Amino acid sequence: MTQDATQTRTDTRTDSPAHAPTITVNGAPRTIAAGLTLDALVATLTAAHRGVAAAVNEDVVPRGDWPTTILGDGDRVEILTAVQGG
């Protein structure tokens, strides 16, 4: 194996423990633990139990699917909380 081939394989490897996934949450980059679910992410960002909506990569995710929606590297997440007032 040439040095170039070894370098290429090393550069493209993303399954090592040193590589933590990065997502974008409401426009801001955030490093997350591998396997983080949408449910767990929302829980870290808001204490609200009602009036919260979430979308991943521009697709609204039903609340019942949050616990099984695993976030991955490069995902774009938008979390919206309804606010009452006028």
C-alpha atoms as a PDB file:
ATOM      1  CA  MET A   1       0.000   0.000   0.000  1.00  0.00           C
ATOM      2  CA  THR A   2       1.344   3.406  -0.900  1.00  0.00           C
ATOM      3  CA  GLN A   3       1.492   6.314   1.481  1.00  0.00           C
ATOM      4  CA  ASP A   4      -1.138   8.131  -0.609  1.00  0.00           C
ATOM      5  CA  ALA A   5      -3.630   5.267  -0.246  1.00  0.00           C
ATOM      6  CA  THR A   6      -3.073   5.131   3.508  1.00  0.00           C
ATOM      7  CA  GLN A   7      -3.556   8.888   3.788  1.00  0.00           C
ATOM      8  CA  THR A   8      -6.793   8.779   1.799  1.00  0.00           C
ATOM      9  CA  ARG A   9      -8.243   5.999   3.933  1.00  0.00           C
ATOM     10  CA  THR A  10      -7.343   7.862   7.127  1.00  0.00           C
ATOM     11  CA  ASP A  11      -8.845  11.128   5.874  1.00  0.00           C
ATOM     12  CA  THR A  12     -12.214   9.606   4.927  1.00  0.00           C
ATOM     13  CA  ARG A  13     -12.733   7.559   8.060  1.00  0.00           C
ATOM     14  CA  THR A  14     -15.589   8.909  10.193  1.00  0.00           C
ATOM     15  CA  ASP A  15     -16.362   5.959  12.459  1.00  0.00           C
ATOM     16  CA  SER A  16     -13.542   6.569  14.903  1.00  0.00           C
ATOM     17  CA  PRO A  17     -14.318   7.693  18.452  1.00  0.00           C
ATOM     18  CA  ALA A  18     -12.462  10.931  17.750  1.00  0.00           C
ATOM     19  CA  HIS A  19     -15.105  11.979  15.206  1.00  0.00           C
ATOM     20  CA  ALA A  20     -18.127  13.466  16.950  1.00  0.00           C
ATOM     21  CA  PRO A  21     -21.126  14.270  14.771  1.00  0.00           C
ATOM     22  CA  THR A  22     -21.886  17.930  14.186  1.00  0.00           C
ATOM     23  CA  ILE A  23     -25.414  19.125  13.524  1.00  0.00           C
ATOM     24  CA  THR A  24     -26.958  22.550  13.070  1.00  0.00           C
ATOM     25  CA  VAL A  25     -29.636  23.521  15.598  1.00  0.00           C
ATOM     26  CA  ASN A  26     -31.665  26.632  14.797  1.00  0.00           C
ATOM     27  CA  GLY A  27     -28.801  27.856  12.626  1.00  0.00           C
ATOM     28  CA  ALA A  28     -25.974  27.226  15.114  1.00  0.00           C
ATOM     29  CA  PRO A  29     -23.476  24.357  14.871  1.00  0.00           C
ATOM     30  CA  ARG A  30     -23.493  21.878  17.747  1.00  0.00           C
ATOM     31  CA  THR A  31     -21.362  18.804  18.386  1.00  0.00           C
ATOM     32  CA  ILE A  32     -23.400  15.868  19.664  1.00  0.00           C
ATOM     33  CA  ALA A  33     -22.819  12.369  20.952  1.00  0.00           C
ATOM     34  CA  ALA A  34     -23.238   9.623  18.383  1.00  0.00           C
ATOM     35  CA  GLY A  35     -26.706   8.105  18.575  1.00  0.00           C
ATOM     36  CA  LEU A  36     -28.386  11.178  20.088  1.00  0.00           C
ATOM     37  CA  THR A  37     -32.131  11.144  19.500  1.00  0.00           C
ATOM     38  CA  LEU A  38     -34.272  14.124  18.632  1.00  0.00           C
ATOM     39  CA  ASP A  39     -36.175  13.561  21.884  1.00  0.00           C
ATOM     40  CA  ALA A  40     -32.982  13.859  23.952  1.00  0.00           C
ATOM     41  CA  LEU A  41     -31.844  16.953  22.056  1.00  0.00           C
ATOM     42  CA  VAL A  42     -35.163  18.742  22.569  1.00  0.00           C
ATOM     43  CA  ALA A  43     -35.055  17.899  26.293  1.00  0.00           C
ATOM     44  CA  THR A  44     -31.685  19.667  26.597  1.00  0.00           C
ATOM     45  CA  LEU A  45     -32.982  22.796  24.884  1.00  0.00           C
ATOM     46  CA  THR A  46     -36.415  23.387  26.406  1.00  0.00           C
ATOM     47  CA  ALA A  47     -38.344  22.366  29.486  1.00  0.00           C
ATOM     48  CA  ALA A  48     -41.641  22.878  27.645  1.00  0.00           C
ATOM     49  CA  HIS A  49     -43.750  19.741  27.365  1.00  0.00           C
ATOM     50  CA  ARG A  50     -46.313  21.259  25.022  1.00  0.00           C
ATOM     51  CA  GLY A  51     -46.196  23.629  22.101  1.00  0.00           C
ATOM     52  CA  VAL A  52     -42.880  22.359  20.736  1.00  0.00           C
ATOM     53  CA  ALA A  53     -42.333  21.349  17.114  1.00  0.00           C
ATOM     54  CA  ALA A  54     -39.207  19.934  15.517  1.00  0.00           C
ATOM     55  CA  ALA A  55     -37.976  19.452  11.973  1.00  0.00           C
ATOM     56  CA  VAL A  56     -34.933  17.575  10.720  1.00  0.00           C
ATOM     57  CA  ASN A  57     -33.566  18.508   7.314  1.00  0.00           C
ATOM     58  CA  GLU A  58     -36.711  20.553   6.616  1.00  0.00           C
ATOM     59  CA  ASP A  59     -39.092  17.659   7.378  1.00  0.00           C
ATOM     60  CA  VAL A  60     -41.395  18.051  10.385  1.00  0.00           C
ATOM     61  CA  VAL A  61     -40.976  15.072  12.707  1.00  0.00           C
ATOM     62  CA  PRO A  62     -44.121  13.975  14.580  1.00  0.00           C
ATOM     63  CA  ARG A  63     -43.605  14.090  18.348  1.00  0.00           C
ATOM     64  CA  GLY A  64     -44.213  10.340  18.634  1.00  0.00           C
ATOM     65  CA  ASP A  65     -41.202   9.725  16.376  1.00  0.00           C
ATOM     66  CA  TRP A  66     -38.745  11.853  18.379  1.00  0.00           C
ATOM     67  CA  PRO A  67     -37.492   8.974  20.580  1.00  0.00           C
ATOM     68  CA  THR A  68     -36.586   6.899  17.517  1.00  0.00           C
ATOM     69  CA  THR A  69     -35.211   9.709  15.348  1.00  0.00           C
ATOM     70  CA  ILE A  70     -31.445   9.403  15.597  1.00  0.00           C
ATOM     71  CA  LEU A  71     -29.546  12.514  14.577  1.00  0.00           C
ATOM     72  CA  GLY A  72     -26.532  12.189  12.319  1.00  0.00           C
ATOM     73  CA  ASP A  73     -23.587  14.213  11.151  1.00  0.00           C
ATOM     74  CA  GLY A  74     -24.700  17.161   9.035  1.00  0.00           C
ATOM     75  CA  ASP A  75     -28.362  17.094  10.054  1.00  0.00           C
ATOM     76  CA  ARG A  76     -30.142  20.452  10.222  1.00  0.00           C
ATOM     77  CA  VAL A  77     -32.568  20.663  13.131  1.00  0.00           C
ATOM     78  CA  GLU A  78     -35.110  23.401  13.774  1.00  0.00           C
ATOM     79  CA  ILE A  79     -36.889  23.487  17.124  1.00  0.00           C
ATOM     80  CA  LEU A  80     -39.806  25.859  17.581  1.00  0.00           C
ATOM     81  CA  THR A  81     -41.650  26.657  20.789  1.00  0.00           C
ATOM     82  CA  ALA A  82     -45.066  28.286  20.649  1.00  0.00           C
ATOM     83  CA  VAL A  83     -45.350  31.446  22.733  1.00  0.00           C
ATOM     84  CA  GLN A  84     -48.675  32.900  23.764  1.00  0.00           C
ATOM     85  CA  GLY A  85     -49.113  36.632  23.724  1.00  0.00           C
ATOM     86  CA  GLY A  86     -49.948  39.520  21.558  1.00  0.00           C
END
